Amino acid sequence: QVQLVESGGGLVQAGGSLRLSCAASETIFRWNYMGWYRQAPGKQRELVADITSAGSTSYADSVKGRFTISRDNAKNMVYLQLNSLKPEDTAVYYCNAKGYGLQAWGQGTQVTVSS
């Protein structure tokens, strides 16, 4: 069963915005940690932002002030709002969940920012 499904990626010009969504199963969403990672071709996967079940958030320095992570507990959804996009933000963005000694990944959604 697919437990994390990302959507909302696409092609956008520099300075534009996108909103990524991650739909989680109820079981996975009860885990303490949800995060967004990204991976560009030839680069390692990096943590972009994360959020705990209590709502505490953290961001990579490269996206701080531009991206916002949030969650909707009623809908079992986590979101990543990407503003002021730069070509360097081009990557596949993945939703991640951790808890109870387990980890789950989504299939990813492509974000491409043109200059």
C-alpha atoms as a PDB file:
ATOM      1  CA  GLN A   1       0.000   0.000   0.000  1.00  0.00           C
ATOM      2  CA  VAL A   2       1.263   3.471  -0.927  1.00  0.00           C
ATOM      3  CA  GLN A   3       1.272   5.382   2.356  1.00  0.00           C
ATOM      4  CA  LEU A   4       2.704   8.759   1.236  1.00  0.00           C
ATOM      5  CA  VAL A   5       1.730  10.413  -2.065  1.00  0.00           C
ATOM      6  CA  GLU A   6       3.147  13.771  -3.177  1.00  0.00           C
ATOM      7  CA  SER A   7       1.523  16.144  -5.648  1.00  0.00           C
ATOM      8  CA  GLY A   8       1.699  19.766  -6.771  1.00  0.00           C
ATOM      9  CA  GLY A   9       5.028  19.816  -8.567  1.00  0.00           C
ATOM     10  CA  GLY A  10       5.467  21.422 -11.950  1.00  0.00           C
ATOM     11  CA  LEU A  11       7.324  23.938 -14.075  1.00  0.00           C
ATOM     12  CA  VAL A  12       7.513  27.515 -12.837  1.00  0.00           C
ATOM     13  CA  GLN A  13       9.576  30.593 -13.654  1.00  0.00           C
ATOM     14  CA  ALA A  14      12.084  31.991 -11.195  1.00  0.00           C
ATOM     15  CA  GLY A  15      10.309  34.063  -8.574  1.00  0.00           C
ATOM     16  CA  GLY A  16       7.140  32.016  -8.852  1.00  0.00           C
ATOM     17  CA  SER A  17       5.400  29.792  -6.335  1.00  0.00           C
ATOM     18  CA  LEU A  18       4.190  26.227  -5.945  1.00  0.00           C
ATOM     19  CA  ARG A  19       2.361  24.354  -3.218  1.00  0.00           C
ATOM     20  CA  LEU A  20       3.311  20.737  -2.673  1.00  0.00           C
ATOM     21  CA  SER A  21       0.984  18.320  -0.910  1.00  0.00           C
ATOM     22  CA  CYS A  22       1.656  15.006   0.784  1.00  0.00           C
ATOM     23  CA  ALA A  23      -1.260  12.717   1.527  1.00  0.00           C
ATOM     24  CA  ALA A  24      -0.500  10.241   4.294  1.00  0.00           C
ATOM     25  CA  SER A  25      -2.286   7.195   5.609  1.00  0.00           C
ATOM     26  CA  GLU A  26      -3.856   7.683   9.022  1.00  0.00           C
ATOM     27  CA  THR A  27      -1.358   5.305  10.618  1.00  0.00           C
ATOM     28  CA  ILE A  28       1.693   7.044   9.136  1.00  0.00           C
ATOM     29  CA  PHE A  29       0.326  10.490   9.944  1.00  0.00           C
ATOM     30  CA  ARG A  30       0.231   9.576  13.629  1.00  0.00           C
ATOM     31  CA  TRP A  31       4.020   9.298  13.627  1.00  0.00           C
ATOM     32  CA  ASN A  32       5.863  12.141  15.349  1.00  0.00           C
ATOM     33  CA  TYR A  33       7.857  13.475  12.401  1.00  0.00           C
ATOM     34  CA  MET A  34       7.022  14.578   8.855  1.00  0.00           C
ATOM     35  CA  GLY A  35       9.545  16.136   6.531  1.00  0.00           C
ATOM     36  CA  TRP A  36      10.192  17.306   2.987  1.00  0.00           C
ATOM     37  CA  TYR A  37      13.421  16.325   1.261  1.00  0.00           C
ATOM     38  CA  ARG A  38      14.667  17.110  -2.226  1.00  0.00           C
ATOM     39  CA  GLN A  39      17.184  15.575  -4.589  1.00  0.00           C
ATOM     40  CA  ALA A  40      18.644  17.156  -7.710  1.00  0.00           C
ATOM     41  CA  PRO A  41      20.432  15.114 -10.402  1.00  0.00           C
ATOM     42  CA  GLY A  42      23.940  14.212  -9.288  1.00  0.00           C
ATOM     43  CA  LYS A  43      23.350  15.451  -5.745  1.00  0.00           C
ATOM     44  CA  GLN A  44      22.521  13.769  -2.462  1.00  0.00           C
ATOM     45  CA  ARG A  45      19.057  13.967  -1.003  1.00  0.00           C
ATOM     46  CA  GLU A  46      18.788  16.871   1.438  1.00  0.00           C
ATOM     47  CA  LEU A  47      16.334  17.848   4.140  1.00  0.00           C
ATOM     48  CA  VAL A  48      14.337  20.940   3.211  1.00  0.00           C
ATOM     49  CA  ALA A  49      11.892  21.302   6.097  1.00  0.00           C
ATOM     50  CA  ASP A  50      10.253  19.225   8.787  1.00  0.00           C
ATOM     51  CA  ILE A  51       7.412  19.404  11.270  1.00  0.00           C
ATOM     52  CA  THR A  52       6.534  17.433  14.394  1.00  0.00           C
ATOM     53  CA  SER A  53       3.118  16.285  15.521  1.00  0.00           C
ATOM     54  CA  ALA A  54       3.153  19.224  17.942  1.00  0.00           C
ATOM     55  CA  GLY A  55       3.697  21.677  15.090  1.00  0.00           C
ATOM     56  CA  SER A  56       7.359  22.547  15.649  1.00  0.00           C
ATOM     57  CA  THR A  57       9.095  23.361  12.361  1.00  0.00           C
ATOM     58  CA  SER A  58      12.621  23.688  11.041  1.00  0.00           C
ATOM     59  CA  TYR A  59      14.083  24.692   7.675  1.00  0.00           C
ATOM     60  CA  ALA A  60      17.270  24.378   5.712  1.00  0.00           C
ATOM     61  CA  ASP A  61      19.158  27.669   5.535  1.00  0.00           C
ATOM     62  CA  SER A  62      18.815  27.690   1.752  1.00  0.00           C
ATOM     63  CA  VAL A  63      15.006  27.877   1.910  1.00  0.00           C
ATOM     64  CA  LYS A  64      14.444  29.759   5.158  1.00  0.00           C
ATOM     65  CA  GLY A  65      12.107  32.691   4.616  1.00  0.00           C
ATOM     66  CA  ARG A  66      10.889  31.326   1.274  1.00  0.00           C
ATOM     67  CA  PHE A  67       9.345  27.921   2.070  1.00  0.00           C
ATOM     68  CA  THR A  68       6.724  27.068   4.675  1.00  0.00           C
ATOM     69  CA  ILE A  69       5.836  23.596   5.937  1.00  0.00           C
ATOM     70  CA  SER A  70       2.454  22.943   7.517  1.00  0.00           C
ATOM     71  CA  ARG A  71       0.126  20.072   8.355  1.00  0.00           C
ATOM     72  CA  ASP A  72      -3.611  19.533   8.476  1.00  0.00           C
ATOM     73  CA  ASN A  73      -4.331  16.843  11.043  1.00  0.00           C
ATOM     74  CA  ALA A  74      -7.992  16.549  10.039  1.00  0.00           C
ATOM     75  CA  LYS A  75      -7.012  15.691   6.457  1.00  0.00           C
ATOM     76  CA  ASN A  76      -3.838  13.681   7.177  1.00  0.00           C
ATOM     77  CA  MET A  77      -1.950  16.085   4.902  1.00  0.00           C
ATOM     78  CA  VAL A  78       1.370  17.891   5.040  1.00  0.00           C
ATOM     79  CA  TYR A  79       2.164  20.808   2.745  1.00  0.00           C
ATOM     80  CA  LEU A  80       5.182  22.716   1.531  1.00  0.00           C
ATOM     81  CA  GLN A  81       4.594  26.221   0.199  1.00  0.00           C
ATOM     82  CA  LEU A  82       7.459  27.255  -2.072  1.00  0.00           C
ATOM     83  CA  ASN A  83       7.741  30.986  -2.745  1.00  0.00           C
ATOM     84  CA  SER A  84      10.366  33.090  -4.506  1.00  0.00           C
ATOM     85  CA  LEU A  85      11.593  30.010  -6.318  1.00  0.00           C
ATOM     86  CA  LYS A  86      15.100  29.902  -7.731  1.00  0.00           C
ATOM     87  CA  PRO A  87      16.585  27.628 -10.416  1.00  0.00           C
ATOM     88  CA  GLU A  88      18.647  26.038  -7.625  1.00  0.00           C
ATOM     89  CA  ASP A  89      15.389  24.734  -6.126  1.00  0.00           C
ATOM     90  CA  THR A  90      14.909  22.405  -9.101  1.00  0.00           C
ATOM     91  CA  ALA A  91      14.713  18.854  -7.759  1.00  0.00           C
ATOM     92  CA  VAL A  92      12.439  15.955  -7.001  1.00  0.00           C
ATOM     93  CA  TYR A  93      10.732  16.671  -3.699  1.00  0.00           C
ATOM     94  CA  TYR A  94       9.943  13.755  -1.387  1.00  0.00           C
ATOM     95  CA  CYS A  95       7.669  13.454   1.616  1.00  0.00           C
ATOM     96  CA  ASN A  96       9.108  11.534   4.576  1.00  0.00           C
ATOM     97  CA  ALA A  97       7.679  10.242   7.841  1.00  0.00           C
ATOM     98  CA  LYS A  98       9.421   8.777  10.890  1.00  0.00           C
ATOM     99  CA  GLY A  99       8.193   7.258  14.113  1.00  0.00           C
ATOM    100  CA  TYR A 100       8.186   4.158  16.288  1.00  0.00           C
ATOM    101  CA  GLY A 101      11.495   3.065  14.790  1.00  0.00           C
ATOM    102  CA  LEU A 102      10.031   3.139  11.263  1.00  0.00           C
ATOM    103  CA  GLN A 103      10.411   5.327   8.181  1.00  0.00           C
ATOM    104  CA  ALA A 104       8.343   5.872   5.031  1.00  0.00           C
ATOM    105  CA  TRP A 105       8.958   7.737   1.766  1.00  0.00           C
ATOM    106  CA  GLY A 106       6.708   8.999  -0.985  1.00  0.00           C
ATOM    107  CA  GLN A 107       7.457   8.568  -4.686  1.00  0.00           C
ATOM    108  CA  GLY A 108       8.372  12.218  -5.189  1.00  0.00           C
ATOM    109  CA  THR A 109       7.096  15.138  -7.254  1.00  0.00           C
ATOM    110  CA  GLN A 110       9.217  17.093  -9.739  1.00  0.00           C
ATOM    111  CA  VAL A 111       9.768  20.820  -9.274  1.00  0.00           C
ATOM    112  CA  THR A 112      11.475  22.622 -12.156  1.00  0.00           C
ATOM    113  CA  VAL A 113      12.322  26.321 -11.931  1.00  0.00           C
ATOM    114  CA  SER A 114      13.340  28.057 -15.142  1.00  0.00           C
ATOM    115  CA  SER A 115      15.611  31.090 -15.229  1.00  0.00           C
END
